[in-house]
Each structure stands twice: as C-alpha cells, then as structure tokens.
C-alpha atoms as a PDB file:
ATOM      1  CA  MET A   1       5.654 154.900-166.401  1.00  0.00           C
ATOM      2  CA  LYS A   2       3.676 152.480-164.334  1.00  0.00           C
ATOM      3  CA  LYS A   3       1.183 150.463-166.376  1.00  0.00           C
ATOM      4  CA  ALA A   4      -1.664 148.071-165.602  1.00  0.00           C
ATOM      5  CA  LEU A   5      -3.710 145.661-167.731  1.00  0.00           C
ATOM      6  CA  VAL A   6      -7.192 144.830-166.484  1.00  0.00           C
ATOM      7  CA  VAL A   7      -9.010 141.727-167.839  1.00  0.00           C
ATOM      8  CA  VAL A   8     -12.650 142.049-166.928  1.00  0.00           C
ATOM      9  CA  ASP A   9     -14.766 138.872-166.434  1.00  0.00           C
ATOM     10  CA  TYR A  10     -13.397 136.735-169.257  1.00  0.00           C
ATOM     11  CA  GLN A  11     -15.298 133.801-167.782  1.00  0.00           C
ATOM     12  CA  HIS A  12     -17.036 130.776-169.230  1.00  0.00           C
ATOM     13  CA  ASP A  13     -20.503 132.009-168.428  1.00  0.00           C
ATOM     14  CA  PHE A  14     -20.005 135.094-170.620  1.00  0.00           C
ATOM     15  CA  ILE A  15     -18.475 133.038-173.460  1.00  0.00           C
ATOM     16  CA  ASP A  16     -19.964 129.549-173.662  1.00  0.00           C
ATOM     17  CA  GLY A  17     -22.288 129.591-170.595  1.00  0.00           C
ATOM     18  CA  SER A  18     -25.585 131.054-169.519  1.00  0.00           C
ATOM     19  CA  LEU A  19     -24.786 134.529-170.803  1.00  0.00           C
ATOM     20  CA  GLY A  20     -22.424 133.518-173.632  1.00  0.00           C
ATOM     21  CA  PHE A  21     -22.781 134.922-177.113  1.00  0.00           C
ATOM     22  CA  PRO A  22     -21.370 134.110-180.553  1.00  0.00           C
ATOM     23  CA  GLY A  23     -17.945 135.693-181.058  1.00  0.00           C
ATOM     24  CA  ALA A  24     -16.977 136.009-177.433  1.00  0.00           C
ATOM     25  CA  GLU A  25     -14.578 133.090-177.845  1.00  0.00           C
ATOM     26  CA  LYS A  26     -12.771 134.924-180.586  1.00  0.00           C
ATOM     27  CA  LEU A  27     -11.363 137.419-178.114  1.00  0.00           C
ATOM     28  CA  ASP A  28      -9.495 134.656-176.259  1.00  0.00           C
ATOM     29  CA  CYS A  29      -6.271 134.582-178.232  1.00  0.00           C
ATOM     30  CA  LEU A  30      -5.856 138.403-178.202  1.00  0.00           C
ATOM     31  CA  ILE A  31      -6.596 138.732-174.504  1.00  0.00           C
ATOM     32  CA  ALA A  32      -4.194 135.882-173.644  1.00  0.00           C
ATOM     33  CA  ALA A  33      -1.530 137.528-175.807  1.00  0.00           C
ATOM     34  CA  LYS A  34      -2.102 140.861-173.991  1.00  0.00           C
ATOM     35  CA  VAL A  35      -1.612 139.124-170.639  1.00  0.00           C
ATOM     36  CA  ARG A  36       1.606 137.374-171.712  1.00  0.00           C
ATOM     37  CA  GLN A  37       2.973 140.632-173.166  1.00  0.00           C
ATOM     38  CA  ALA A  38       2.128 142.430-169.970  1.00  0.00           C
ATOM     39  CA  ILE A  39       3.957 139.861-167.934  1.00  0.00           C
ATOM     40  CA  ALA A  40       7.043 140.221-170.245  1.00  0.00           C
ATOM     41  CA  ASP A  41       6.874 144.010-169.975  1.00  0.00           C
ATOM     42  CA  GLY A  42       6.561 144.032-166.176  1.00  0.00           C
ATOM     43  CA  THR A  43       3.045 145.485-166.393  1.00  0.00           C
ATOM     44  CA  GLN A  44       0.811 144.827-163.359  1.00  0.00           C
ATOM     45  CA  VAL A  45      -2.107 142.551-164.400  1.00  0.00           C
ATOM     46  CA  PHE A  46      -5.477 142.473-162.743  1.00  0.00           C
ATOM     47  CA  PHE A  47      -8.285 140.008-163.425  1.00  0.00           C
ATOM     48  CA  THR A  48     -11.810 140.459-162.264  1.00  0.00           C
ATOM     49  CA  LEU A  49     -14.189 137.581-161.692  1.00  0.00           C
ATOM     50  CA  ASP A  50     -17.934 138.238-161.693  1.00  0.00           C
ATOM     51  CA  THR A  51     -18.845 136.279-158.592  1.00  0.00           C
ATOM     52  CA  HIS A  52     -22.288 135.328-157.278  1.00  0.00           C
ATOM     53  CA  GLY A  53     -23.753 132.947-154.776  1.00  0.00           C
ATOM     54  CA  GLU A  54     -26.574 130.485-154.957  1.00  0.00           C
ATOM     55  CA  ASP A  55     -28.916 133.285-153.813  1.00  0.00           C
ATOM     56  CA  TYR A  56     -28.203 135.316-156.994  1.00  0.00           C
ATOM     57  CA  LEU A  57     -31.842 135.477-158.156  1.00  0.00           C
ATOM     58  CA  SER A  58     -32.833 137.145-154.888  1.00  0.00           C
ATOM     59  CA  THR A  59     -30.272 139.954-155.358  1.00  0.00           C
ATOM     60  CA  ASN A  60     -31.082 143.281-156.964  1.00  0.00           C
ATOM     61  CA  GLU A  61     -29.009 142.311-160.032  1.00  0.00           C
ATOM     62  CA  GLY A  62     -30.651 138.918-160.147  1.00  0.00           C
ATOM     63  CA  ARG A  63     -34.112 140.463-160.143  1.00  0.00           C
ATOM     64  CA  HIS A  64     -33.154 142.677-163.095  1.00  0.00           C
ATOM     65  CA  LEU A  65     -31.059 140.041-164.915  1.00  0.00           C
ATOM     66  CA  PRO A  66     -32.674 136.765-163.941  1.00  0.00           C
ATOM     67  CA  VAL A  67     -30.061 134.487-165.446  1.00  0.00           C
ATOM     68  CA  VAL A  68     -27.942 132.560-162.954  1.00  0.00           C
ATOM     69  CA  HIS A  69     -24.275 132.988-163.866  1.00  0.00           C
ATOM     70  CA  CYS A  70     -20.795 133.025-162.439  1.00  0.00           C
ATOM     71  CA  VAL A  71     -21.695 131.163-159.233  1.00  0.00           C
ATOM     72  CA  ARG A  72     -18.454 130.848-157.179  1.00  0.00           C
ATOM     73  CA  GLU A  73     -16.562 127.630-157.857  1.00  0.00           C
ATOM     74  CA  SER A  74     -18.777 126.674-160.772  1.00  0.00           C
ATOM     75  CA  HIS A  75     -17.413 125.952-164.265  1.00  0.00           C
ATOM     76  CA  GLY A  76     -19.087 129.126-165.545  1.00  0.00           C
ATOM     77  CA  TRP A  77     -17.212 131.172-162.919  1.00  0.00           C
ATOM     78  CA  GLU A  78     -13.784 130.066-164.178  1.00  0.00           C
ATOM     79  CA  LEU A  79     -11.651 132.035-166.576  1.00  0.00           C
ATOM     80  CA  TYR A  80     -11.843 130.778-170.189  1.00  0.00           C
ATOM     81  CA  GLY A  81      -9.386 129.089-172.564  1.00  0.00           C
ATOM     82  CA  GLN A  82      -5.968 130.480-173.294  1.00  0.00           C
ATOM     83  CA  THR A  83      -6.738 133.469-171.070  1.00  0.00           C
ATOM     84  CA  ALA A  84      -7.139 131.081-168.104  1.00  0.00           C
ATOM     85  CA  GLN A  85      -3.712 129.532-168.930  1.00  0.00           C
ATOM     86  CA  ALA A  86      -2.138 132.995-169.234  1.00  0.00           C
ATOM     87  CA  ALA A  87      -3.797 134.027-165.917  1.00  0.00           C
ATOM     88  CA  GLY A  88      -2.153 131.020-164.222  1.00  0.00           C
ATOM     89  CA  GLU A  89       1.231 132.256-165.459  1.00  0.00           C
ATOM     90  CA  ALA A  90       0.426 135.835-164.433  1.00  0.00           C
ATOM     91  CA  LEU A  91      -0.769 134.982-160.977  1.00  0.00           C
ATOM     92  CA  LYS A  92       2.600 133.264-160.269  1.00  0.00           C
ATOM     93  CA  LYS A  93       4.230 136.632-161.185  1.00  0.00           C
ATOM     94  CA  GLY A  94       2.105 138.821-158.976  1.00  0.00           C
ATOM     95  CA  ALA A  95      -1.096 139.408-160.937  1.00  0.00           C
ATOM     96  CA  VAL A  96      -4.101 140.250-158.793  1.00  0.00           C
ATOM     97  CA  LEU A  97      -7.437 138.440-158.894  1.00  0.00           C
ATOM     98  CA  ILE A  98     -10.436 140.428-157.766  1.00  0.00           C
ATOM     99  CA  GLU A  99     -13.831 138.844-157.156  1.00  0.00           C
ATOM    100  CA  LYS A 100     -16.714 141.265-157.604  1.00  0.00           C
ATOM    101  CA  GLY A 101     -20.437 140.833-156.923  1.00  0.00           C
ATOM    102  CA  GLN A 102     -21.502 143.830-158.938  1.00  0.00           C
ATOM    103  CA  PHE A 103     -20.758 145.363-162.336  1.00  0.00           C
ATOM    104  CA  GLY A 104     -17.964 147.697-161.297  1.00  0.00           C
ATOM    105  CA  SER A 105     -15.354 146.906-158.640  1.00  0.00           C
ATOM    106  CA  PRO A 106     -14.504 149.605-156.142  1.00  0.00           C
ATOM    107  CA  ASP A 107     -11.667 147.351-154.953  1.00  0.00           C
ATOM    108  CA  LEU A 108     -10.153 147.386-158.451  1.00  0.00           C
ATOM    109  CA  ALA A 109     -10.537 151.138-158.751  1.00  0.00           C
ATOM    110  CA  ARG A 110      -8.873 151.673-155.348  1.00  0.00           C
ATOM    111  CA  GLU A 111      -6.003 149.323-156.384  1.00  0.00           C
ATOM    112  CA  ILE A 112      -5.454 151.435-159.488  1.00  0.00           C
ATOM    113  CA  GLN A 113      -5.682 154.657-157.592  1.00  0.00           C
ATOM    114  CA  CYS A 114      -3.345 153.608-154.774  1.00  0.00           C
ATOM    115  CA  GLY A 115      -0.932 151.942-157.220  1.00  0.00           C
ATOM    116  CA  GLY A 116      -0.262 155.189-158.938  1.00  0.00           C
ATOM    117  CA  PHE A 117      -0.669 153.834-162.443  1.00  0.00           C
ATOM    118  CA  ALA A 118      -0.128 156.238-165.293  1.00  0.00           C
ATOM    119  CA  GLU A 119      -1.724 153.987-167.853  1.00  0.00           C
ATOM    120  CA  VAL A 120      -4.425 151.364-167.580  1.00  0.00           C
ATOM    121  CA  GLU A 121      -5.560 149.185-170.427  1.00  0.00           C
ATOM    122  CA  ILE A 122      -8.912 147.390-170.106  1.00  0.00           C
ATOM    123  CA  CYS A 123     -10.205 144.366-172.060  1.00  0.00           C
ATOM    124  CA  GLY A 124     -12.712 141.586-171.451  1.00  0.00           C
ATOM    125  CA  LEU A 125     -16.445 141.154-171.153  1.00  0.00           C
ATOM    126  CA  VAL A 126     -19.072 142.461-171.499  1.00  0.00           C
ATOM    127  CA  SER A 127     -18.469 145.902-173.031  1.00  0.00           C
ATOM    128  CA  ASP A 128     -21.903 147.363-172.263  1.00  0.00           C
ATOM    129  CA  ILE A 129     -22.028 146.348-168.642  1.00  0.00           C
ATOM    130  CA  CYS A 130     -18.913 145.318-166.681  1.00  0.00           C
ATOM    131  CA  VAL A 131     -16.253 146.798-168.972  1.00  0.00           C
ATOM    132  CA  VAL A 132     -17.824 150.224-169.173  1.00  0.00           C
ATOM    133  CA  SER A 133     -18.617 150.191-165.397  1.00  0.00           C
ATOM    134  CA  ASN A 134     -15.022 149.396-164.513  1.00  0.00           C
ATOM    135  CA  ALA A 135     -13.554 151.771-167.040  1.00  0.00           C
ATOM    136  CA  LEU A 136     -15.675 154.658-165.663  1.00  0.00           C
ATOM    137  CA  MET A 137     -14.813 153.804-162.046  1.00  0.00           C
ATOM    138  CA  ILE A 138     -11.077 153.600-162.837  1.00  0.00           C
ATOM    139  CA  LYS A 139     -11.247 156.951-164.604  1.00  0.00           C
ATOM    140  CA  ALA A 140     -13.078 158.448-161.625  1.00  0.00           C
ATOM    141  CA  PHE A 141     -10.577 157.080-159.083  1.00  0.00           C
ATOM    142  CA  ALA A 142      -7.530 157.889-161.269  1.00  0.00           C
ATOM    143  CA  PRO A 143      -8.564 160.861-163.383  1.00  0.00           C
ATOM    144  CA  GLU A 144      -5.040 161.650-164.556  1.00  0.00           C
ATOM    145  CA  ALA A 145      -4.284 158.181-165.707  1.00  0.00           C
ATOM    146  CA  ARG A 146      -4.485 157.347-169.429  1.00  0.00           C
ATOM    147  CA  VAL A 147      -7.327 154.802-169.500  1.00  0.00           C
ATOM    148  CA  VAL A 148      -7.547 152.757-172.736  1.00  0.00           C
ATOM    149  CA  VAL A 149      -9.976 150.084-173.991  1.00  0.00           C
ATOM    150  CA  ASP A 150      -9.012 148.026-176.948  1.00  0.00           C
ATOM    151  CA  SER A 151     -12.217 147.657-178.958  1.00  0.00           C
ATOM    152  CA  ARG A 152     -10.856 144.442-180.578  1.00  0.00           C
ATOM    153  CA  ALA A 153     -10.588 142.803-177.040  1.00  0.00           C
ATOM    154  CA  THR A 154     -14.118 143.588-175.732  1.00  0.00           C
ATOM    155  CA  SER A 155     -17.623 142.979-177.016  1.00  0.00           C
ATOM    156  CA  CYS A 156     -21.162 142.057-176.043  1.00  0.00           C
ATOM    157  CA  ALA A 157     -24.124 140.186-177.520  1.00  0.00           C
ATOM    158  CA  ASP A 158     -25.652 143.298-179.162  1.00  0.00           C
ATOM    159  CA  SER A 159     -23.420 145.221-181.636  1.00  0.00           C
ATOM    160  CA  ALA A 160     -25.426 148.454-181.123  1.00  0.00           C
ATOM    161  CA  LYS A 161     -24.937 148.285-177.379  1.00  0.00           C
ATOM    162  CA  ASN A 162     -21.222 147.540-177.910  1.00  0.00           C
ATOM    163  CA  ALA A 163     -20.870 150.668-180.114  1.00  0.00           C
ATOM    164  CA  ALA A 164     -22.847 152.746-177.566  1.00  0.00           C
ATOM    165  CA  ALA A 165     -20.626 151.542-174.673  1.00  0.00           C
ATOM    166  CA  LEU A 166     -17.483 152.415-176.629  1.00  0.00           C
ATOM    167  CA  GLN A 167     -18.918 155.849-177.410  1.00  0.00           C
ATOM    168  CA  ILE A 168     -19.789 156.524-173.802  1.00  0.00           C
ATOM    169  CA  MET A 169     -16.236 155.601-172.765  1.00  0.00           C
ATOM    170  CA  ARG A 170     -14.875 158.016-175.460  1.00  0.00           C
ATOM    171  CA  SER A 171     -17.156 160.695-174.081  1.00  0.00           C
ATOM    172  CA  CYS A 172     -15.619 160.245-170.619  1.00  0.00           C
ATOM    173  CA  GLN A 173     -12.085 160.685-171.840  1.00  0.00           C
ATOM    174  CA  ILE A 174     -11.303 156.972-172.071  1.00  0.00           C
ATOM    175  CA  GLU A 175      -9.264 156.240-175.164  1.00  0.00           C
ATOM    176  CA  VAL A 176     -10.830 153.602-177.339  1.00  0.00           C
ATOM    177  CA  LEU A 177      -8.505 151.883-179.802  1.00  0.00           C
END
C-alpha cells in the first residue's frame, strides 16, 4: 500500500513568529519523529510552506488576515526546529517541498491524486485553516484514499476552532486520531 505523510506549514511564523501561539512548539518532536519514521518506512513525505511576498497585505488573504507572515526567504518562512532537521534528511531521500500562496495547495492535491496513494497522513499547522483546507482538497482529489489527521500533531491558537476543524474533517470522512 502506497503511503504519504504531509507536513503542513510547520514554519517559524506559526510557532514563534507573527502568527505563533503557545503550544505550537510542543508538536515539533512528534512531527519530526513522524517524518523520520516515514523515511525509514519508505513513505513519501511532502512538506508545504506557506509562502508570501512583500506585497502580502495587498492580497485578498492579506486584506482579511492583515498579519505579514511567511515571506519567502525570511526566518519566519523556514521550517521549525527538529522538524526542519528531519526535513533536511527527508529531502535528500526524495521528499517533496511545495510552496503555496494560499491555504490549500492544488499542487499537493494533484501530487497525491497522481501518485496513487492509498493512505495519506496529515499533520502540521494550523488546524483550522491550512490543515483542514489541505485535508479536504486531498480527500476531494483522492476520494478513495484513507486520509488521516493525527490530532496530537496539529493545533491552532483557539481550542474551540481546533475542535471544530477536527469535527469538520471527521464529517468529511477524514479519520481523526
């Protein structure tokens, strides 16, 4: 069975930067371990990077979320901590890095669809925006795949929104562990 692990936007700006929140850093060890285990198991690993330009505030997203973040090549744009180290190892073994300028990535969803993955696990940040967006896109592009989100490896600043995002994913036949 062909499997994939998707790490969504585990970047500095969502952990200790402009959109960071307490507790986001606590996911680092678990996400890094998932990446390393995926490498050992021969699972295809994908990393998404929320990526914006200096013109972010003039974009539709920037007008609705007026907090500059994840500007390409900035510190906040980079992957965080042990996950960044694990990503370096994974990229040497064929992991795929996908920059995305919006919440969900059509490129990622197409990669999953065309790759014929039977199972896709998703983790990362933030659960109520980019994780749920990518999970729903993956499920739409690969409806027969088992799509799983580990609730221990995703979160957001608002616990009620986190719970709501997890429930929405369950409602859309995404397995939440």
